[in-house]
Amino acid sequence: MVLTVYELAALGAAICWALTGLMVAPPLQRLGTFAFNCYRQVFTALVLVLIVGFSGAWHGITVAQVWPLVLSGLVGIFLGDTVLFASISRLGPRRGGALYALNAPMAAVLGWAFLGESLSAPAWLGVFLCAAGVSLAVLGRPGKSGSHSFEAVSGSVGLAVLLGLVAALLQAVGSLIARPVMEQGVDPLAASLIRVSMAAVCLSVLVALPIRQVKPQGKLDLRLFALLAGSGILAMAIGMSLLLFALQGGKVGIVSTLSALSPVFILPGLWIVTGARPSATSWLGAAIAVTGMALIFLR
């Protein structure tokens, strides 16, 4: 079983997003979905401007390549991340991540339907085993960590589940839009800057509107800013760039599947943060997901 550099990049993105899932809960709960995502994207865009500006990664990008990335940022980050955080704020990072992981089979089907990507029978089985395993791992019993605030459920569960599914679909569509452009060799950091900047502009306009629901729900102190900034750099500057690099040479379905394993990687992190071991159901789901990975690599 040989892992290509693109598959390793997708796994790296999953690890980044797993760590991010443990960081976003406190500032998300304090600020609210829209303000949190706005501050996060604006900060990340500024960091990427510095990186891309000093590295010269923007050289060679054409206008024809910019517009699909703008659209990908609008769909996958502005809409997708906002809906995802709305789901996480209601279900917590473990359950919200489970629903978001369903972007893997969605992306595989979309890649097959619209990009003509072919997957072998074992690879298809691996895609769905990954999705099933992730879902079992994070939707099963929480175990001894069930009393922690990360496991709290608020509001309508049905609405939260719907939001998670919509977020997964938006992420899959965003990857689908970016895939043809990334195949042309666009620098991943420059592509991330375009996508994140689009989301930052849209969110800034939204938060500036005289609508109470989109305004900050609380104050941003130094600790929460550190978590917000760290999650932005880890998820968007590093994780998203790894995902876009993976899309340069990997198939949408496989890349999305591997990057969707973050809820499996989050289990050890939850154990450390909460001090409570996840349930046997959660670990069984992780084992099924790893089996799915093996089938994808053996395609």
C-alpha atoms as a PDB file:
ATOM      1  CA  MET A   1       0.000   0.000   0.000  1.00  0.00           C
ATOM      2  CA  VAL A   2       1.742   3.172  -1.226  1.00  0.00           C
ATOM      3  CA  LEU A   3       0.486   6.601  -0.211  1.00  0.00           C
ATOM      4  CA  THR A   4       0.975   9.274  -2.830  1.00  0.00           C
ATOM      5  CA  VAL A   5       1.939  12.804  -1.836  1.00  0.00           C
ATOM      6  CA  TYR A   6      -1.607  13.945  -2.690  1.00  0.00           C
ATOM      7  CA  GLU A   7      -3.187  11.365  -0.383  1.00  0.00           C
ATOM      8  CA  LEU A   8      -0.777  12.321   2.408  1.00  0.00           C
ATOM      9  CA  ALA A   9      -1.753  15.964   1.909  1.00  0.00           C
ATOM     10  CA  ALA A  10      -5.442  15.061   2.232  1.00  0.00           C
ATOM     11  CA  LEU A  11      -4.711  13.192   5.473  1.00  0.00           C
ATOM     12  CA  GLY A  12      -2.726  16.188   6.704  1.00  0.00           C
ATOM     13  CA  ALA A  13      -5.753  18.385   6.054  1.00  0.00           C
ATOM     14  CA  ALA A  14      -7.910  15.981   8.080  1.00  0.00           C
ATOM     15  CA  ILE A  15      -5.509  16.191  11.037  1.00  0.00           C
ATOM     16  CA  CYS A  16      -5.474  20.003  10.856  1.00  0.00           C
ATOM     17  CA  TRP A  17      -9.271  20.104  10.879  1.00  0.00           C
ATOM     18  CA  ALA A  18      -9.459  17.635  13.767  1.00  0.00           C
ATOM     19  CA  LEU A  19      -7.278  19.902  15.892  1.00  0.00           C
ATOM     20  CA  THR A  20      -9.328  22.898  14.768  1.00  0.00           C
ATOM     21  CA  GLY A  21     -12.531  21.201  15.910  1.00  0.00           C
ATOM     22  CA  LEU A  22     -11.215  21.268  19.473  1.00  0.00           C
ATOM     23  CA  MET A  23     -10.311  24.961  19.241  1.00  0.00           C
ATOM     24  CA  VAL A  24     -13.436  26.533  17.744  1.00  0.00           C
ATOM     25  CA  ALA A  25     -16.039  25.612  20.358  1.00  0.00           C
ATOM     26  CA  PRO A  26     -15.287  28.322  22.997  1.00  0.00           C
ATOM     27  CA  PRO A  27     -15.077  31.349  20.625  1.00  0.00           C
ATOM     28  CA  LEU A  28     -17.970  29.993  18.539  1.00  0.00           C
ATOM     29  CA  GLN A  29     -20.224  29.759  21.579  1.00  0.00           C
ATOM     30  CA  ARG A  30     -19.206  33.228  22.778  1.00  0.00           C
ATOM     31  CA  LEU A  31     -19.402  35.154  19.484  1.00  0.00           C
ATOM     32  CA  GLY A  32     -22.093  33.315  17.546  1.00  0.00           C
ATOM     33  CA  THR A  33     -21.841  31.628  14.157  1.00  0.00           C
ATOM     34  CA  PHE A  34     -21.614  34.634  11.829  1.00  0.00           C
ATOM     35  CA  ALA A  35     -19.287  36.866  13.856  1.00  0.00           C
ATOM     36  CA  PHE A  36     -16.966  33.961  14.660  1.00  0.00           C
ATOM     37  CA  ASN A  37     -16.674  32.923  11.029  1.00  0.00           C
ATOM     38  CA  CYS A  38     -16.223  36.541   9.916  1.00  0.00           C
ATOM     39  CA  TYR A  39     -13.378  37.273  12.348  1.00  0.00           C
ATOM     40  CA  ARG A  40     -11.763  33.950  11.512  1.00  0.00           C
ATOM     41  CA  GLN A  41     -11.833  34.397   7.744  1.00  0.00           C
ATOM     42  CA  VAL A  42     -10.666  38.035   7.860  1.00  0.00           C
ATOM     43  CA  PHE A  43      -7.700  37.132  10.081  1.00  0.00           C
ATOM     44  CA  THR A  44      -6.790  34.144   7.910  1.00  0.00           C
ATOM     45  CA  ALA A  45      -7.032  36.239   4.729  1.00  0.00           C
ATOM     46  CA  LEU A  46      -4.604  38.800   6.196  1.00  0.00           C
ATOM     47  CA  VAL A  47      -2.139  36.043   7.110  1.00  0.00           C
ATOM     48  CA  LEU A  48      -2.388  34.545   3.617  1.00  0.00           C
ATOM     49  CA  VAL A  49      -1.865  37.989   2.014  1.00  0.00           C
ATOM     50  CA  LEU A  50       1.475  38.239   3.809  1.00  0.00           C
ATOM     51  CA  ILE A  51       2.521  34.689   2.928  1.00  0.00           C
ATOM     52  CA  VAL A  52       1.498  34.878  -0.719  1.00  0.00           C
ATOM     53  CA  GLY A  53       2.848  38.422  -1.119  1.00  0.00           C
ATOM     54  CA  PHE A  54       6.308  37.597   0.215  1.00  0.00           C
ATOM     55  CA  SER A  55       6.528  34.220  -1.548  1.00  0.00           C
ATOM     56  CA  GLY A  56       5.295  35.484  -4.926  1.00  0.00           C
ATOM     57  CA  ALA A  57       2.908  32.510  -5.145  1.00  0.00           C
ATOM     58  CA  TRP A  58       0.361  34.619  -7.019  1.00  0.00           C
ATOM     59  CA  HIS A  59       2.527  34.820 -10.157  1.00  0.00           C
ATOM     60  CA  GLY A  60       1.091  32.995 -13.152  1.00  0.00           C
ATOM     61  CA  ILE A  61      -2.550  32.957 -12.035  1.00  0.00           C
ATOM     62  CA  THR A  62      -4.901  34.019 -14.824  1.00  0.00           C
ATOM     63  CA  VAL A  63      -8.299  35.711 -14.624  1.00  0.00           C
ATOM     64  CA  ALA A  64      -9.865  32.531 -16.014  1.00  0.00           C
ATOM     65  CA  GLN A  65      -8.490  30.634 -12.996  1.00  0.00           C
ATOM     66  CA  VAL A  66      -9.512  33.255 -10.441  1.00  0.00           C
ATOM     67  CA  TRP A  67     -13.261  33.184 -11.071  1.00  0.00           C
ATOM     68  CA  PRO A  68     -13.786  29.449 -10.401  1.00  0.00           C
ATOM     69  CA  LEU A  69     -11.793  29.834  -7.161  1.00  0.00           C
ATOM     70  CA  VAL A  70     -13.948  32.824  -6.184  1.00  0.00           C
ATOM     71  CA  LEU A  71     -17.063  30.739  -6.767  1.00  0.00           C
ATOM     72  CA  SER A  72     -15.519  27.820  -4.872  1.00  0.00           C
ATOM     73  CA  GLY A  73     -14.831  30.134  -1.925  1.00  0.00           C
ATOM     74  CA  LEU A  74     -18.365  31.494  -2.016  1.00  0.00           C
ATOM     75  CA  VAL A  75     -19.917  28.021  -1.970  1.00  0.00           C
ATOM     76  CA  GLY A  76     -17.434  25.977   0.054  1.00  0.00           C
ATOM     77  CA  ILE A  77     -16.231  28.505   2.642  1.00  0.00           C
ATOM     78  CA  PHE A  78     -18.676  31.416   2.954  1.00  0.00           C
ATOM     79  CA  LEU A  79     -21.778  29.231   2.771  1.00  0.00           C
ATOM     80  CA  GLY A  80     -20.298  25.849   3.726  1.00  0.00           C
ATOM     81  CA  ASP A  81     -18.325  26.933   6.796  1.00  0.00           C
ATOM     82  CA  THR A  82     -21.087  29.209   8.062  1.00  0.00           C
ATOM     83  CA  VAL A  83     -23.661  26.423   7.867  1.00  0.00           C
ATOM     84  CA  LEU A  84     -21.154  23.970   9.383  1.00  0.00           C
ATOM     85  CA  PHE A  85     -20.534  26.186  12.412  1.00  0.00           C
ATOM     86  CA  ALA A  86     -24.271  26.639  12.848  1.00  0.00           C
ATOM     87  CA  SER A  87     -24.507  22.843  13.052  1.00  0.00           C
ATOM     88  CA  ILE A  88     -21.506  22.501  15.409  1.00  0.00           C
ATOM     89  CA  SER A  89     -22.894  25.155  17.750  1.00  0.00           C
ATOM     90  CA  ARG A  90     -26.000  22.978  18.159  1.00  0.00           C
ATOM     91  CA  LEU A  91     -24.496  19.476  18.121  1.00  0.00           C
ATOM     92  CA  GLY A  92     -20.892  19.966  19.233  1.00  0.00           C
ATOM     93  CA  PRO A  93     -17.704  19.203  17.257  1.00  0.00           C
ATOM     94  CA  ARG A  94     -18.040  15.411  17.412  1.00  0.00           C
ATOM     95  CA  ARG A  95     -21.559  15.084  16.013  1.00  0.00           C
ATOM     96  CA  GLY A  96     -21.300  18.076  13.683  1.00  0.00           C
ATOM     97  CA  GLY A  97     -18.097  16.642  12.266  1.00  0.00           C
ATOM     98  CA  ALA A  98     -19.839  13.352  11.588  1.00  0.00           C
ATOM     99  CA  LEU A  99     -22.425  14.953   9.348  1.00  0.00           C
ATOM    100  CA  TYR A 100     -19.808  17.089   7.625  1.00  0.00           C
ATOM    101  CA  ALA A 101     -17.809  13.936   6.819  1.00  0.00           C
ATOM    102  CA  LEU A 102     -20.607  12.868   4.510  1.00  0.00           C
ATOM    103  CA  ASN A 103     -19.142  15.297   1.962  1.00  0.00           C
ATOM    104  CA  ALA A 104     -16.883  12.351   1.012  1.00  0.00           C
ATOM    105  CA  PRO A 105     -19.454  10.120  -0.713  1.00  0.00           C
ATOM    106  CA  MET A 106     -21.191  13.253  -1.997  1.00  0.00           C
ATOM    107  CA  ALA A 107     -17.940  14.409  -3.629  1.00  0.00           C
ATOM    108  CA  ALA A 108     -17.288  10.952  -5.065  1.00  0.00           C
ATOM    109  CA  VAL A 109     -20.692  10.881  -6.737  1.00  0.00           C
ATOM    110  CA  LEU A 110     -20.327  14.464  -7.994  1.00  0.00           C
ATOM    111  CA  GLY A 111     -16.830  13.743  -9.347  1.00  0.00           C
ATOM    112  CA  TRP A 112     -18.166  10.699 -11.165  1.00  0.00           C
ATOM    113  CA  ALA A 113     -21.215  12.547 -12.501  1.00  0.00           C
ATOM    114  CA  PHE A 114     -19.622  15.845 -13.570  1.00  0.00           C
ATOM    115  CA  LEU A 115     -15.878  15.265 -13.991  1.00  0.00           C
ATOM    116  CA  GLY A 116     -15.990  11.759 -15.429  1.00  0.00           C
ATOM    117  CA  GLU A 117     -13.793  10.370 -12.637  1.00  0.00           C
ATOM    118  CA  SER A 118     -13.838   6.593 -12.428  1.00  0.00           C
ATOM    119  CA  LEU A 119     -13.405   4.620  -9.214  1.00  0.00           C
ATOM    120  CA  SER A 120     -12.862   0.888  -8.942  1.00  0.00           C
ATOM    121  CA  ALA A 121     -15.330  -1.261  -7.015  1.00  0.00           C
ATOM    122  CA  PRO A 122     -12.974  -1.545  -3.972  1.00  0.00           C
ATOM    123  CA  ALA A 123     -12.423   2.226  -4.005  1.00  0.00           C
ATOM    124  CA  TRP A 124     -16.194   2.865  -4.057  1.00  0.00           C
ATOM    125  CA  LEU A 125     -16.583   0.456  -1.149  1.00  0.00           C
ATOM    126  CA  GLY A 126     -13.754   2.257   0.643  1.00  0.00           C
ATOM    127  CA  VAL A 127     -15.426   5.641   0.173  1.00  0.00           C
ATOM    128  CA  PHE A 128     -18.663   4.452   1.732  1.00  0.00           C
ATOM    129  CA  LEU A 129     -16.909   2.514   4.504  1.00  0.00           C
ATOM    130  CA  CYS A 130     -15.043   5.698   5.436  1.00  0.00           C
ATOM    131  CA  ALA A 131     -18.283   7.655   5.551  1.00  0.00           C
ATOM    132  CA  ALA A 132     -20.059   4.910   7.527  1.00  0.00           C
ATOM    133  CA  GLY A 133     -17.149   4.529   9.928  1.00  0.00           C
ATOM    134  CA  VAL A 134     -16.858   8.243  10.579  1.00  0.00           C
ATOM    135  CA  SER A 135     -20.603   8.494  11.153  1.00  0.00           C
ATOM    136  CA  LEU A 136     -20.539   5.582  13.597  1.00  0.00           C
ATOM    137  CA  ALA A 137     -17.488   6.972  15.367  1.00  0.00           C
ATOM    138  CA  VAL A 138     -19.000  10.357  16.081  1.00  0.00           C
ATOM    139  CA  LEU A 139     -22.739   9.703  16.136  1.00  0.00           C
ATOM    140  CA  GLY A 140     -22.507   6.739  18.496  1.00  0.00           C
ATOM    141  CA  ARG A 141     -22.649   6.989  22.259  1.00  0.00           C
ATOM    142  CA  PRO A 142     -20.280   9.687  23.562  1.00  0.00           C
ATOM    143  CA  GLY A 143     -19.019   7.444  26.367  1.00  0.00           C
ATOM    144  CA  LYS A 144     -17.678   9.027  29.559  1.00  0.00           C
ATOM    145  CA  SER A 145     -17.200  12.363  27.791  1.00  0.00           C
ATOM    146  CA  GLY A 146     -20.971  12.793  27.465  1.00  0.00           C
ATOM    147  CA  SER A 147     -21.175  15.308  30.318  1.00  0.00           C
ATOM    148  CA  HIS A 148     -18.611  17.657  28.764  1.00  0.00           C
ATOM    149  CA  SER A 149     -19.756  20.896  27.123  1.00  0.00           C
ATOM    150  CA  PHE A 150     -18.392  19.603  23.790  1.00  0.00           C
ATOM    151  CA  GLU A 151     -21.160  16.975  23.837  1.00  0.00           C
ATOM    152  CA  ALA A 152     -24.012  19.356  24.703  1.00  0.00           C
ATOM    153  CA  VAL A 153     -26.951  19.520  22.275  1.00  0.00           C
ATOM    154  CA  SER A 154     -28.989  22.727  22.006  1.00  0.00           C
ATOM    155  CA  GLY A 155     -32.001  23.647  19.912  1.00  0.00           C
ATOM    156  CA  SER A 156     -33.689  21.472  17.334  1.00  0.00           C
ATOM    157  CA  VAL A 157     -31.715  18.311  16.551  1.00  0.00           C
ATOM    158  CA  GLY A 158     -33.534  17.953  13.235  1.00  0.00           C
ATOM    159  CA  LEU A 159     -32.487  21.440  12.140  1.00  0.00           C
ATOM    160  CA  ALA A 160     -28.913  20.834  13.264  1.00  0.00           C
ATOM    161  CA  VAL A 161     -28.748  17.585  11.276  1.00  0.00           C
ATOM    162  CA  LEU A 162     -30.133  19.328   8.199  1.00  0.00           C
ATOM    163  CA  LEU A 163     -27.537  22.087   8.540  1.00  0.00           C
ATOM    164  CA  GLY A 164     -24.760  19.490   8.798  1.00  0.00           C
ATOM    165  CA  LEU A 165     -25.919  17.730   5.636  1.00  0.00           C
ATOM    166  CA  VAL A 166     -26.173  21.017   3.739  1.00  0.00           C
ATOM    167  CA  ALA A 167     -22.676  21.970   4.899  1.00  0.00           C
ATOM    168  CA  ALA A 168     -21.339  18.634   3.628  1.00  0.00           C
ATOM    169  CA  LEU A 169     -22.964  19.154   0.229  1.00  0.00           C
ATOM    170  CA  LEU A 170     -21.610  22.703  -0.042  1.00  0.00           C
ATOM    171  CA  GLN A 171     -18.093  21.507   0.787  1.00  0.00           C
ATOM    172  CA  ALA A 172     -18.347  18.774  -1.856  1.00  0.00           C
ATOM    173  CA  VAL A 173     -19.540  21.263  -4.482  1.00  0.00           C
ATOM    174  CA  GLY A 174     -16.770  23.703  -3.519  1.00  0.00           C
ATOM    175  CA  SER A 175     -14.148  20.971  -4.038  1.00  0.00           C
ATOM    176  CA  LEU A 176     -15.743  20.019  -7.345  1.00  0.00           C
ATOM    177  CA  ILE A 177     -15.520  23.605  -8.610  1.00  0.00           C
ATOM    178  CA  ALA A 178     -11.885  24.018  -7.536  1.00  0.00           C
ATOM    179  CA  ARG A 179     -10.659  20.677  -8.890  1.00  0.00           C
ATOM    180  CA  PRO A 180     -10.224  21.592 -12.622  1.00  0.00           C
ATOM    181  CA  VAL A 181      -8.351  24.789 -11.702  1.00  0.00           C
ATOM    182  CA  MET A 182      -6.034  23.047  -9.236  1.00  0.00           C
ATOM    183  CA  GLU A 183      -5.214  20.462 -11.899  1.00  0.00           C
ATOM    184  CA  GLN A 184      -3.618  23.302 -13.879  1.00  0.00           C
ATOM    185  CA  GLY A 185      -0.943  23.719 -11.210  1.00  0.00           C
ATOM    186  CA  VAL A 186      -2.235  26.823  -9.412  1.00  0.00           C
ATOM    187  CA  ASP A 187      -0.284  27.443  -6.191  1.00  0.00           C
ATOM    188  CA  PRO A 188      -2.366  26.094  -3.250  1.00  0.00           C
ATOM    189  CA  LEU A 189      -1.593  29.077  -1.003  1.00  0.00           C
ATOM    190  CA  ALA A 190      -2.627  31.557  -3.684  1.00  0.00           C
ATOM    191  CA  ALA A 191      -5.796  29.555  -4.322  1.00  0.00           C
ATOM    192  CA  SER A 192      -6.533  29.521  -0.591  1.00  0.00           C
ATOM    193  CA  LEU A 193      -6.080  33.306  -0.467  1.00  0.00           C
ATOM    194  CA  ILE A 194      -8.623  33.802  -3.257  1.00  0.00           C
ATOM    195  CA  ARG A 195     -11.170  31.467  -1.687  1.00  0.00           C
ATOM    196  CA  VAL A 196     -10.750  32.788   1.870  1.00  0.00           C
ATOM    197  CA  SER A 197     -10.782  36.435   0.741  1.00  0.00           C
ATOM    198  CA  MET A 198     -14.091  35.874  -1.025  1.00  0.00           C
ATOM    199  CA  ALA A 199     -15.558  34.408   2.153  1.00  0.00           C
ATOM    200  CA  ALA A 200     -14.097  37.212   4.294  1.00  0.00           C
ATOM    201  CA  VAL A 201     -15.619  39.936   2.095  1.00  0.00           C
ATOM    202  CA  CYS A 202     -19.056  38.288   2.060  1.00  0.00           C
ATOM    203  CA  LEU A 203     -19.037  37.716   5.817  1.00  0.00           C
ATOM    204  CA  SER A 204     -17.873  41.271   6.544  1.00  0.00           C
ATOM    205  CA  VAL A 205     -20.750  42.673   4.500  1.00  0.00           C
ATOM    206  CA  LEU A 206     -23.190  40.321   6.226  1.00  0.00           C
ATOM    207  CA  VAL A 207     -22.047  41.185   9.760  1.00  0.00           C
ATOM    208  CA  ALA A 208     -22.204  44.914   8.917  1.00  0.00           C
ATOM    209  CA  LEU A 209     -25.912  44.661   8.125  1.00  0.00           C
ATOM    210  CA  PRO A 210     -28.376  45.925  10.774  1.00  0.00           C
ATOM    211  CA  ILE A 211     -29.494  42.411  11.647  1.00  0.00           C
ATOM    212  CA  ARG A 212     -29.234  41.398  15.301  1.00  0.00           C
ATOM    213  CA  GLN A 213     -28.774  37.685  14.566  1.00  0.00           C
ATOM    214  CA  VAL A 214     -25.528  38.248  12.638  1.00  0.00           C
ATOM    215  CA  LYS A 215     -23.937  40.600  15.156  1.00  0.00           C
ATOM    216  CA  PRO A 216     -21.352  39.381  17.730  1.00  0.00           C
ATOM    217  CA  GLN A 217     -23.141  37.778  20.669  1.00  0.00           C
ATOM    218  CA  GLY A 218     -20.296  38.468  23.114  1.00  0.00           C
ATOM    219  CA  LYS A 219     -16.901  40.114  23.523  1.00  0.00           C
ATOM    220  CA  LEU A 220     -13.684  38.729  22.072  1.00  0.00           C
ATOM    221  CA  ASP A 221     -10.986  38.496  24.763  1.00  0.00           C
ATOM    222  CA  LEU A 222      -7.320  37.579  24.279  1.00  0.00           C
ATOM    223  CA  ARG A 223      -7.803  33.857  24.992  1.00  0.00           C
ATOM    224  CA  LEU A 224     -10.687  33.516  22.563  1.00  0.00           C
ATOM    225  CA  PHE A 225      -8.789  35.507  19.929  1.00  0.00           C
ATOM    226  CA  ALA A 226      -5.828  33.129  20.272  1.00  0.00           C
ATOM    227  CA  LEU A 227      -8.136  30.136  19.720  1.00  0.00           C
ATOM    228  CA  LEU A 228      -9.895  31.850  16.818  1.00  0.00           C
ATOM    229  CA  ALA A 229      -6.635  32.913  15.157  1.00  0.00           C
ATOM    230  CA  GLY A 230      -4.986  29.545  15.716  1.00  0.00           C
ATOM    231  CA  SER A 231      -7.959  27.692  14.271  1.00  0.00           C
ATOM    232  CA  GLY A 232      -7.963  29.973  11.236  1.00  0.00           C
ATOM    233  CA  ILE A 233      -4.282  29.444  10.478  1.00  0.00           C
ATOM    234  CA  LEU A 234      -4.456  25.708  11.106  1.00  0.00           C
ATOM    235  CA  ALA A 235      -7.690  25.059   9.195  1.00  0.00           C
ATOM    236  CA  MET A 236      -7.607  27.603   6.388  1.00  0.00           C
ATOM    237  CA  ALA A 237      -3.967  28.597   5.797  1.00  0.00           C
ATOM    238  CA  ILE A 238      -2.537  25.097   6.324  1.00  0.00           C
ATOM    239  CA  GLY A 239      -5.405  22.584   6.090  1.00  0.00           C
ATOM    240  CA  MET A 240      -7.169  24.181   3.127  1.00  0.00           C
ATOM    241  CA  SER A 241      -3.879  24.635   1.258  1.00  0.00           C
ATOM    242  CA  LEU A 242      -3.111  20.947   1.792  1.00  0.00           C
ATOM    243  CA  LEU A 243      -6.572  20.061   0.458  1.00  0.00           C
ATOM    244  CA  LEU A 244      -6.122  22.239  -2.635  1.00  0.00           C
ATOM    245  CA  PHE A 245      -2.682  20.714  -3.235  1.00  0.00           C
ATOM    246  CA  ALA A 246      -4.241  17.257  -2.940  1.00  0.00           C
ATOM    247  CA  LEU A 247      -6.828  18.254  -5.568  1.00  0.00           C
ATOM    248  CA  GLN A 248      -3.995  19.035  -8.006  1.00  0.00           C
ATOM    249  CA  GLY A 249      -3.325  15.338  -8.517  1.00  0.00           C
ATOM    250  CA  GLY A 250      -5.940  13.386  -6.577  1.00  0.00           C
ATOM    251  CA  LYS A 251      -9.489  12.458  -7.491  1.00  0.00           C
ATOM    252  CA  VAL A 252     -12.221  14.497  -5.820  1.00  0.00           C
ATOM    253  CA  GLY A 253     -13.885  11.481  -4.190  1.00  0.00           C
ATOM    254  CA  ILE A 254     -10.688  10.035  -2.743  1.00  0.00           C
ATOM    255  CA  VAL A 255      -9.276  13.378  -1.596  1.00  0.00           C
ATOM    256  CA  SER A 256     -12.584  14.342   0.021  1.00  0.00           C
ATOM    257  CA  THR A 257     -12.835  10.937   1.700  1.00  0.00           C
ATOM    258  CA  LEU A 258      -9.391  11.129   3.269  1.00  0.00           C
ATOM    259  CA  SER A 259      -9.800  14.757   4.320  1.00  0.00           C
ATOM    260  CA  ALA A 260     -13.158  13.818   5.876  1.00  0.00           C
ATOM    261  CA  LEU A 261     -11.461  11.504   8.385  1.00  0.00           C
ATOM    262  CA  SER A 262     -10.921  14.399  10.797  1.00  0.00           C
ATOM    263  CA  PRO A 263     -13.767  13.225  13.092  1.00  0.00           C
ATOM    264  CA  VAL A 264     -11.830   9.982  13.588  1.00  0.00           C
ATOM    265  CA  PHE A 265      -8.646  11.858  14.418  1.00  0.00           C
ATOM    266  CA  ILE A 266     -10.572  14.068  16.834  1.00  0.00           C
ATOM    267  CA  LEU A 267     -11.333  11.131  19.151  1.00  0.00           C
ATOM    268  CA  PRO A 268      -7.890  11.042  20.818  1.00  0.00           C
ATOM    269  CA  GLY A 269      -8.053  14.831  21.102  1.00  0.00           C
ATOM    270  CA  LEU A 270     -11.410  14.667  22.855  1.00  0.00           C
ATOM    271  CA  TRP A 271      -9.990  12.064  25.210  1.00  0.00           C
ATOM    272  CA  ILE A 272      -7.162  14.443  26.143  1.00  0.00           C
ATOM    273  CA  VAL A 273      -9.380  17.530  26.465  1.00  0.00           C
ATOM    274  CA  THR A 274     -12.252  15.917  28.386  1.00  0.00           C
ATOM    275  CA  GLY A 275     -10.191  13.361  30.300  1.00  0.00           C
ATOM    276  CA  ALA A 276     -12.772  10.711  29.380  1.00  0.00           C
ATOM    277  CA  ARG A 277     -12.309   7.781  27.005  1.00  0.00           C
ATOM    278  CA  PRO A 278     -14.635   7.749  23.946  1.00  0.00           C
ATOM    279  CA  SER A 279     -17.091   4.860  23.737  1.00  0.00           C
ATOM    280  CA  ALA A 280     -16.352   1.500  22.134  1.00  0.00           C
ATOM    281  CA  THR A 281     -18.803   2.445  19.365  1.00  0.00           C
ATOM    282  CA  SER A 282     -16.665   5.452  18.500  1.00  0.00           C
ATOM    283  CA  TRP A 283     -13.509   3.340  18.239  1.00  0.00           C
ATOM    284  CA  LEU A 284     -15.332   0.721  16.150  1.00  0.00           C
ATOM    285  CA  GLY A 285     -16.343   3.451  13.731  1.00  0.00           C
ATOM    286  CA  ALA A 286     -12.705   4.572  13.530  1.00  0.00           C
ATOM    287  CA  ALA A 287     -11.619   1.013  12.691  1.00  0.00           C
ATOM    288  CA  ILE A 288     -14.216   0.783   9.905  1.00  0.00           C
ATOM    289  CA  ALA A 289     -13.012   4.114   8.508  1.00  0.00           C
ATOM    290  CA  VAL A 290      -9.397   2.926   8.494  1.00  0.00           C
ATOM    291  CA  THR A 291     -10.512  -0.198   6.620  1.00  0.00           C
ATOM    292  CA  GLY A 292     -12.131   2.073   4.056  1.00  0.00           C
ATOM    293  CA  MET A 293      -8.846   3.977   3.701  1.00  0.00           C
ATOM    294  CA  ALA A 294      -7.016   0.751   2.993  1.00  0.00           C
ATOM    295  CA  LEU A 295      -9.469  -0.161   0.237  1.00  0.00           C
ATOM    296  CA  ILE A 296      -8.999   3.230  -1.367  1.00  0.00           C
ATOM    297  CA  PHE A 297      -5.214   2.883  -1.342  1.00  0.00           C
ATOM    298  CA  LEU A 298      -5.450  -0.624  -2.817  1.00  0.00           C
ATOM    299  CA  ARG A 299      -7.623   0.605  -5.721  1.00  0.00           C
END
